[in-house]
Amino acid sequence: MSIHPVHSPVYWGIGKALIGTLTRSMIPIKSYGKERVPREGGAVLAANHFSYADPPVIGAACPRRIVFVAKVELHGVYGFGQLMRAHGALAVRRGESDRDALRLMRETVRNNDLLGLFVEGTRQKTGVPGEAKSGAAMVAIQEGVPVVPAAIHGSQYWRWNRAPVSVAFGEPMRFDEHPRNGRGYKQATAEIQEEILRLWRFLVEMHELGRPDAVPPIRAAVPSKAR
């Protein structure tokens, strides 16, 4: 199968360098734990969401290409839309059936790409991560791929004012023993939400300390299966 030029590794590499440089020139970014992101194979990157700045910041901090899911309205924004499509972003219409959106997401990880999901489904205005939806867990369980939890902090304060923004990546989470049903999705989602919140609290502490170099905490307990 031929690869469209804008989806090729060369195009993405050049684009990431340009976008990353532009993003870092406007936003002081600090990343923690990026070595935890699998360098190949299908996976889901599950993150919280505060600002429109989150996708380019997380993209700049992540060591591999991310295929984000974005509402179709953003694809119509001149410049931004072309940028997202060039990097393979999936367009999901408001009101589109969950089945159609899930099919696109499953195809993404099946193609060995890193699917980027903002698990709350919308930006959180309180400045604190919100309740996670089940999409990340459903894709991971149905396709047998890991979830890489990620937290972002500081973007809720960024208004073209060079406020510092940080990203923390957690250890890959697997849910191989969770059943492919509502119970399994619910428990996996709760575990993902808990891990994102724990990583976010770590970032809050790092910001209070002036963002020193550090390693995000490891998971104290790793559930083996749904109960």
C-alpha atoms as a PDB file:
ATOM      1  CA  MET A   1       0.000   0.000   0.000  1.00  0.00           C
ATOM      2  CA  SER A   2       1.413   3.382  -0.966  1.00  0.00           C
ATOM      3  CA  ILE A   3       1.751   6.087   1.668  1.00  0.00           C
ATOM      4  CA  HIS A   4       0.312   9.513   0.984  1.00  0.00           C
ATOM      5  CA  PRO A   5       3.207  12.038   0.930  1.00  0.00           C
ATOM      6  CA  VAL A   6       1.846  14.063   3.857  1.00  0.00           C
ATOM      7  CA  HIS A   7       1.662  10.922   6.018  1.00  0.00           C
ATOM      8  CA  SER A   8       5.190   9.751   5.270  1.00  0.00           C
ATOM      9  CA  PRO A   9       7.824   9.588   8.042  1.00  0.00           C
ATOM     10  CA  VAL A  10       9.917  12.174   6.188  1.00  0.00           C
ATOM     11  CA  TYR A  11       7.057  14.664   5.948  1.00  0.00           C
ATOM     12  CA  TRP A  12       6.123  14.105   9.575  1.00  0.00           C
ATOM     13  CA  GLY A  13       9.719  14.447  10.719  1.00  0.00           C
ATOM     14  CA  ILE A  14      10.092  17.798   8.989  1.00  0.00           C
ATOM     15  CA  GLY A  15       6.678  18.929  10.182  1.00  0.00           C
ATOM     16  CA  LYS A  16       7.367  17.927  13.781  1.00  0.00           C
ATOM     17  CA  ALA A  17      10.633  19.865  13.749  1.00  0.00           C
ATOM     18  CA  LEU A  18       8.930  22.991  12.396  1.00  0.00           C
ATOM     19  CA  ILE A  19       5.850  22.742  14.602  1.00  0.00           C
ATOM     20  CA  GLY A  20       7.893  21.783  17.635  1.00  0.00           C
ATOM     21  CA  THR A  21      10.202  24.757  17.163  1.00  0.00           C
ATOM     22  CA  LEU A  22       7.257  27.127  16.718  1.00  0.00           C
ATOM     23  CA  THR A  23       5.433  25.722  19.734  1.00  0.00           C
ATOM     24  CA  ARG A  24       8.502  25.877  21.964  1.00  0.00           C
ATOM     25  CA  SER A  25       9.158  29.465  20.867  1.00  0.00           C
ATOM     26  CA  MET A  26       5.746  30.441  22.256  1.00  0.00           C
ATOM     27  CA  ILE A  27       5.410  28.017  25.163  1.00  0.00           C
ATOM     28  CA  PRO A  28       8.116  26.968  27.661  1.00  0.00           C
ATOM     29  CA  ILE A  29       7.625  23.177  27.586  1.00  0.00           C
ATOM     30  CA  LYS A  30       8.988  20.653  30.063  1.00  0.00           C
ATOM     31  CA  SER A  31       8.430  16.924  29.595  1.00  0.00           C
ATOM     32  CA  TYR A  32       8.767  14.082  32.070  1.00  0.00           C
ATOM     33  CA  GLY A  33       8.916  10.368  31.343  1.00  0.00           C
ATOM     34  CA  LYS A  34       8.881  10.468  27.540  1.00  0.00           C
ATOM     35  CA  GLU A  35      11.099   7.367  27.511  1.00  0.00           C
ATOM     36  CA  ARG A  36       8.004   5.434  28.629  1.00  0.00           C
ATOM     37  CA  VAL A  37       6.239   5.946  25.297  1.00  0.00           C
ATOM     38  CA  PRO A  38       6.568   2.775  23.137  1.00  0.00           C
ATOM     39  CA  ARG A  39       8.546   3.692  20.028  1.00  0.00           C
ATOM     40  CA  GLU A  40       6.573   1.382  17.765  1.00  0.00           C
ATOM     41  CA  GLY A  41       3.357  -0.586  17.586  1.00  0.00           C
ATOM     42  CA  GLY A  42      -0.238   0.417  18.114  1.00  0.00           C
ATOM     43  CA  ALA A  43      -1.059   2.166  21.388  1.00  0.00           C
ATOM     44  CA  VAL A  44      -3.418   4.740  22.866  1.00  0.00           C
ATOM     45  CA  LEU A  45      -2.099   7.959  24.391  1.00  0.00           C
ATOM     46  CA  ALA A  46      -4.751   9.047  26.916  1.00  0.00           C
ATOM     47  CA  ALA A  47      -4.439  12.612  28.226  1.00  0.00           C
ATOM     48  CA  ASN A  48      -6.423  15.288  30.021  1.00  0.00           C
ATOM     49  CA  HIS A  49      -7.440  18.461  28.182  1.00  0.00           C
ATOM     50  CA  PHE A  50      -7.386  22.130  29.214  1.00  0.00           C
ATOM     51  CA  SER A  51      -6.577  24.213  26.134  1.00  0.00           C
ATOM     52  CA  TYR A  52      -6.252  24.343  22.351  1.00  0.00           C
ATOM     53  CA  ALA A  53      -2.523  24.491  23.090  1.00  0.00           C
ATOM     54  CA  ASP A  54      -2.570  20.906  24.372  1.00  0.00           C
ATOM     55  CA  PRO A  55      -2.238  19.027  21.031  1.00  0.00           C
ATOM     56  CA  PRO A  56       0.865  20.909  19.785  1.00  0.00           C
ATOM     57  CA  VAL A  57       2.459  20.826  23.255  1.00  0.00           C
ATOM     58  CA  ILE A  58       1.935  17.093  23.709  1.00  0.00           C
ATOM     59  CA  GLY A  59       2.989  16.530  20.100  1.00  0.00           C
ATOM     60  CA  ALA A  60       6.205  18.457  20.689  1.00  0.00           C
ATOM     61  CA  ALA A  61       6.919  16.543  23.902  1.00  0.00           C
ATOM     62  CA  CYS A  62       6.150  13.065  22.544  1.00  0.00           C
ATOM     63  CA  PRO A  63       8.969  11.112  20.839  1.00  0.00           C
ATOM     64  CA  ARG A  64       6.688   9.660  18.154  1.00  0.00           C
ATOM     65  CA  ARG A  65       3.898  10.745  15.835  1.00  0.00           C
ATOM     66  CA  ILE A  66       0.460  11.034  17.413  1.00  0.00           C
ATOM     67  CA  VAL A  67      -2.769  10.575  15.473  1.00  0.00           C
ATOM     68  CA  PHE A  68      -5.145  12.810  17.422  1.00  0.00           C
ATOM     69  CA  VAL A  69      -8.922  12.630  17.304  1.00  0.00           C
ATOM     70  CA  ALA A  70     -10.362  16.099  16.642  1.00  0.00           C
ATOM     71  CA  LYS A  71     -13.858  17.401  16.042  1.00  0.00           C
ATOM     72  CA  VAL A  72     -14.478  18.076  12.375  1.00  0.00           C
ATOM     73  CA  GLU A  73     -15.075  21.815  13.002  1.00  0.00           C
ATOM     74  CA  LEU A  74     -11.371  22.257  13.764  1.00  0.00           C
ATOM     75  CA  HIS A  75     -10.466  20.725  10.407  1.00  0.00           C
ATOM     76  CA  GLY A  76     -12.260  23.663   8.792  1.00  0.00           C
ATOM     77  CA  VAL A  77     -10.020  26.258  10.440  1.00  0.00           C
ATOM     78  CA  TYR A  78      -7.660  27.512   7.727  1.00  0.00           C
ATOM     79  CA  GLY A  79      -4.066  26.530   8.413  1.00  0.00           C
ATOM     80  CA  PHE A  80      -4.872  24.547  11.537  1.00  0.00           C
ATOM     81  CA  GLY A  81      -7.028  22.118   9.583  1.00  0.00           C
ATOM     82  CA  GLN A  82      -4.344  21.470   6.971  1.00  0.00           C
ATOM     83  CA  LEU A  83      -1.804  20.998   9.741  1.00  0.00           C
ATOM     84  CA  MET A  84      -3.920  18.393  11.529  1.00  0.00           C
ATOM     85  CA  ARG A  85      -4.711  16.488   8.363  1.00  0.00           C
ATOM     86  CA  ALA A  86      -1.066  16.468   7.343  1.00  0.00           C
ATOM     87  CA  HIS A  87      -0.304  14.692  10.594  1.00  0.00           C
ATOM     88  CA  GLY A  88      -3.104  12.201  10.172  1.00  0.00           C
ATOM     89  CA  ALA A  89      -5.625  13.642  12.651  1.00  0.00           C
ATOM     90  CA  LEU A  90      -8.995  11.913  12.594  1.00  0.00           C
ATOM     91  CA  ALA A  91     -12.064  14.069  12.069  1.00  0.00           C
ATOM     92  CA  VAL A  92     -15.102  13.118  14.154  1.00  0.00           C
ATOM     93  CA  ARG A  93     -18.423  14.898  13.625  1.00  0.00           C
ATOM     94  CA  ARG A  94     -20.543  16.067  16.526  1.00  0.00           C
ATOM     95  CA  GLY A  95     -23.392  13.622  16.866  1.00  0.00           C
ATOM     96  CA  GLU A  96     -21.540  10.955  14.890  1.00  0.00           C
ATOM     97  CA  SER A  97     -22.295   7.501  16.199  1.00  0.00           C
ATOM     98  CA  ASP A  98     -19.894   6.075  18.729  1.00  0.00           C
ATOM     99  CA  ARG A  99     -19.555   3.044  16.481  1.00  0.00           C
ATOM    100  CA  ASP A 100     -18.163   5.104  13.567  1.00  0.00           C
ATOM    101  CA  ALA A 101     -15.710   6.964  15.780  1.00  0.00           C
ATOM    102  CA  LEU A 102     -14.610   3.746  17.465  1.00  0.00           C
ATOM    103  CA  ARG A 103     -14.030   2.094  14.098  1.00  0.00           C
ATOM    104  CA  LEU A 104     -11.657   4.884  13.040  1.00  0.00           C
ATOM    105  CA  MET A 105      -9.784   4.707  16.332  1.00  0.00           C
ATOM    106  CA  ARG A 106      -9.429   0.936  16.185  1.00  0.00           C
ATOM    107  CA  GLU A 107      -8.103   1.144  12.628  1.00  0.00           C
ATOM    108  CA  THR A 108      -5.489   3.643  13.789  1.00  0.00           C
ATOM    109  CA  VAL A 109      -3.908   1.368  16.406  1.00  0.00           C
ATOM    110  CA  ARG A 110      -4.330  -1.615  14.091  1.00  0.00           C
ATOM    111  CA  ASN A 111      -2.073   0.272  11.663  1.00  0.00           C
ATOM    112  CA  ASN A 112       0.549   0.452  14.443  1.00  0.00           C
ATOM    113  CA  ASP A 113       0.016   4.171  15.048  1.00  0.00           C
ATOM    114  CA  LEU A 114      -0.182   6.021  18.364  1.00  0.00           C
ATOM    115  CA  LEU A 115      -3.767   7.199  18.821  1.00  0.00           C
ATOM    116  CA  GLY A 116      -4.096  10.418  20.833  1.00  0.00           C
ATOM    117  CA  LEU A 117      -7.277  10.827  22.882  1.00  0.00           C
ATOM    118  CA  PHE A 118      -8.279  13.584  25.286  1.00  0.00           C
ATOM    119  CA  VAL A 119     -10.249  11.320  27.548  1.00  0.00           C
ATOM    120  CA  GLU A 120     -12.694  13.850  29.009  1.00  0.00           C
ATOM    121  CA  GLY A 121     -14.022  14.529  25.521  1.00  0.00           C
ATOM    122  CA  THR A 122     -13.814  18.313  25.901  1.00  0.00           C
ATOM    123  CA  ARG A 123     -11.685  21.003  27.533  1.00  0.00           C
ATOM    124  CA  GLN A 124     -11.951  21.268  31.310  1.00  0.00           C
ATOM    125  CA  LYS A 125     -12.610  24.813  32.519  1.00  0.00           C
ATOM    126  CA  THR A 126     -11.943  24.131  36.218  1.00  0.00           C
ATOM    127  CA  GLY A 127      -8.184  23.672  35.791  1.00  0.00           C
ATOM    128  CA  VAL A 128      -8.398  20.105  37.126  1.00  0.00           C
ATOM    129  CA  PRO A 129      -8.655  16.867  35.071  1.00  0.00           C
ATOM    130  CA  GLY A 130     -12.254  15.720  34.703  1.00  0.00           C
ATOM    131  CA  GLU A 131     -14.099  12.445  34.351  1.00  0.00           C
ATOM    132  CA  ALA A 132     -12.723  10.157  31.664  1.00  0.00           C
ATOM    133  CA  LYS A 133     -14.894   8.674  28.923  1.00  0.00           C
ATOM    134  CA  SER A 134     -14.569   5.024  27.925  1.00  0.00           C
ATOM    135  CA  GLY A 135     -13.096   5.446  24.407  1.00  0.00           C
ATOM    136  CA  ALA A 136      -9.454   4.817  25.316  1.00  0.00           C
ATOM    137  CA  ALA A 137     -10.304   1.718  27.344  1.00  0.00           C
ATOM    138  CA  MET A 138     -12.561   0.313  24.620  1.00  0.00           C
ATOM    139  CA  VAL A 139      -9.903   0.655  21.924  1.00  0.00           C
ATOM    140  CA  ALA A 140      -7.198  -0.807  24.154  1.00  0.00           C
ATOM    141  CA  ILE A 141      -9.254  -3.804  25.243  1.00  0.00           C
ATOM    142  CA  GLN A 142     -10.759  -4.558  21.842  1.00  0.00           C
ATOM    143  CA  GLU A 143      -7.430  -4.283  19.996  1.00  0.00           C
ATOM    144  CA  GLY A 144      -5.148  -5.637  22.728  1.00  0.00           C
ATOM    145  CA  VAL A 145      -2.875  -2.564  22.787  1.00  0.00           C
ATOM    146  CA  PRO A 146      -1.457  -0.604  25.742  1.00  0.00           C
ATOM    147  CA  VAL A 147      -2.673   2.737  27.015  1.00  0.00           C
ATOM    148  CA  VAL A 148      -0.002   5.341  27.764  1.00  0.00           C
ATOM    149  CA  PRO A 149      -1.486   7.767  30.307  1.00  0.00           C
ATOM    150  CA  ALA A 150      -0.321  11.367  30.026  1.00  0.00           C
ATOM    151  CA  ALA A 151      -1.050  14.526  31.970  1.00  0.00           C
ATOM    152  CA  ILE A 152      -0.639  18.145  30.975  1.00  0.00           C
ATOM    153  CA  HIS A 153      -0.494  21.083  33.375  1.00  0.00           C
ATOM    154  CA  GLY A 154      -0.057  24.809  32.877  1.00  0.00           C
ATOM    155  CA  SER A 155      -1.949  25.084  29.606  1.00  0.00           C
ATOM    156  CA  GLN A 156      -5.034  26.170  31.563  1.00  0.00           C
ATOM    157  CA  TYR A 157      -3.096  29.363  32.377  1.00  0.00           C
ATOM    158  CA  TRP A 158      -1.514  29.893  28.960  1.00  0.00           C
ATOM    159  CA  ARG A 159      -2.902  32.885  27.030  1.00  0.00           C
ATOM    160  CA  TRP A 160      -0.018  33.866  24.717  1.00  0.00           C
ATOM    161  CA  ASN A 161       1.745  34.903  27.933  1.00  0.00           C
ATOM    162  CA  ARG A 162       4.554  32.302  27.898  1.00  0.00           C
ATOM    163  CA  ALA A 163       3.108  30.566  30.941  1.00  0.00           C
ATOM    164  CA  PRO A 164       5.074  27.315  31.450  1.00  0.00           C
ATOM    165  CA  VAL A 165       3.387  24.075  30.388  1.00  0.00           C
ATOM    166  CA  SER A 166       4.511  20.573  31.353  1.00  0.00           C
ATOM    167  CA  VAL A 167       3.665  17.053  30.210  1.00  0.00           C
ATOM    168  CA  ALA A 168       4.181  13.792  32.113  1.00  0.00           C
ATOM    169  CA  PHE A 169       3.968  10.353  30.527  1.00  0.00           C
ATOM    170  CA  GLY A 170       3.055   7.342  32.634  1.00  0.00           C
ATOM    171  CA  GLU A 171       3.930   3.701  32.334  1.00  0.00           C
ATOM    172  CA  PRO A 172       2.038   1.790  29.628  1.00  0.00           C
ATOM    173  CA  MET A 173      -1.089   0.154  31.013  1.00  0.00           C
ATOM    174  CA  ARG A 174      -2.419  -3.149  29.680  1.00  0.00           C
ATOM    175  CA  PHE A 175      -5.895  -4.527  30.149  1.00  0.00           C
ATOM    176  CA  ASP A 176      -5.537  -7.950  28.544  1.00  0.00           C
ATOM    177  CA  GLU A 177      -7.498  -9.714  31.290  1.00  0.00           C
ATOM    178  CA  HIS A 178     -10.379  -7.243  31.314  1.00  0.00           C
ATOM    179  CA  PRO A 179     -13.557  -8.555  29.657  1.00  0.00           C
ATOM    180  CA  ARG A 180     -14.788  -6.936  26.447  1.00  0.00           C
ATOM    181  CA  ASN A 181     -17.935  -5.589  28.034  1.00  0.00           C
ATOM    182  CA  GLY A 182     -19.235  -2.608  29.981  1.00  0.00           C
ATOM    183  CA  ARG A 183     -17.773  -3.851  33.247  1.00  0.00           C
ATOM    184  CA  GLY A 184     -14.294  -4.227  31.774  1.00  0.00           C
ATOM    185  CA  TYR A 185     -14.421  -0.847  30.024  1.00  0.00           C
ATOM    186  CA  LYS A 186     -15.646   0.861  33.185  1.00  0.00           C
ATOM    187  CA  GLN A 187     -12.874  -0.483  35.401  1.00  0.00           C
ATOM    188  CA  ALA A 188     -10.146   0.186  32.833  1.00  0.00           C
ATOM    189  CA  THR A 189     -11.448   3.744  32.397  1.00  0.00           C
ATOM    190  CA  ALA A 190     -11.354   4.295  36.156  1.00  0.00           C
ATOM    191  CA  GLU A 191      -7.734   3.089  36.256  1.00  0.00           C
ATOM    192  CA  ILE A 192      -6.766   5.389  33.375  1.00  0.00           C
ATOM    193  CA  GLN A 193      -8.487   8.362  35.012  1.00  0.00           C
ATOM    194  CA  GLU A 194      -6.755   7.670  38.329  1.00  0.00           C
ATOM    195  CA  GLU A 195      -3.350   7.458  36.661  1.00  0.00           C
ATOM    196  CA  ILE A 196      -3.832  10.700  34.707  1.00  0.00           C
ATOM    197  CA  LEU A 197      -4.843  12.473  37.914  1.00  0.00           C
ATOM    198  CA  ARG A 198      -1.783  11.094  39.725  1.00  0.00           C
ATOM    199  CA  LEU A 199       0.514  12.302  36.933  1.00  0.00           C
ATOM    200  CA  TRP A 200      -1.185  15.714  36.960  1.00  0.00           C
ATOM    201  CA  ARG A 201      -0.636  16.052  40.707  1.00  0.00           C
ATOM    202  CA  PHE A 202       3.027  15.248  40.101  1.00  0.00           C
ATOM    203  CA  LEU A 203       3.185  18.082  37.571  1.00  0.00           C
ATOM    204  CA  VAL A 204       1.521  20.509  39.987  1.00  0.00           C
ATOM    205  CA  GLU A 205       4.249  19.697  42.505  1.00  0.00           C
ATOM    206  CA  MET A 206       6.985  20.106  39.873  1.00  0.00           C
ATOM    207  CA  HIS A 207       5.658  23.558  38.958  1.00  0.00           C
ATOM    208  CA  GLU A 208       5.635  24.573  42.613  1.00  0.00           C
ATOM    209  CA  LEU A 209       9.304  23.502  42.832  1.00  0.00           C
ATOM    210  CA  GLY A 210      10.308  25.391  39.675  1.00  0.00           C
ATOM    211  CA  ARG A 211      10.118  22.385  37.298  1.00  0.00           C
ATOM    212  CA  PRO A 212      13.290  20.493  38.258  1.00  0.00           C
ATOM    213  CA  ASP A 213      14.329  17.348  36.403  1.00  0.00           C
ATOM    214  CA  ALA A 214      12.477  14.347  37.820  1.00  0.00           C
ATOM    215  CA  VAL A 215      10.921  11.003  36.950  1.00  0.00           C
ATOM    216  CA  PRO A 216       7.137  10.591  37.207  1.00  0.00           C
ATOM    217  CA  PRO A 217       6.163   8.135  39.949  1.00  0.00           C
ATOM    218  CA  ILE A 218       5.660   4.497  39.065  1.00  0.00           C
ATOM    219  CA  ARG A 219       2.348   2.810  39.724  1.00  0.00           C
ATOM    220  CA  ALA A 220       2.194   1.464  43.253  1.00  0.00           C
ATOM    221  CA  ALA A 221      -0.271  -1.265  42.287  1.00  0.00           C
ATOM    222  CA  VAL A 222      -1.102  -2.672  38.866  1.00  0.00           C
ATOM    223  CA  PRO A 223      -4.544  -4.339  38.734  1.00  0.00           C
ATOM    224  CA  SER A 224      -4.313  -7.632  36.876  1.00  0.00           C
ATOM    225  CA  LYS A 225      -7.944  -8.006  35.871  1.00  0.00           C
ATOM    226  CA  ALA A 226     -11.410  -6.543  36.279  1.00  0.00           C
ATOM    227  CA  ARG A 227     -13.177  -7.509  39.462  1.00  0.00           C
END
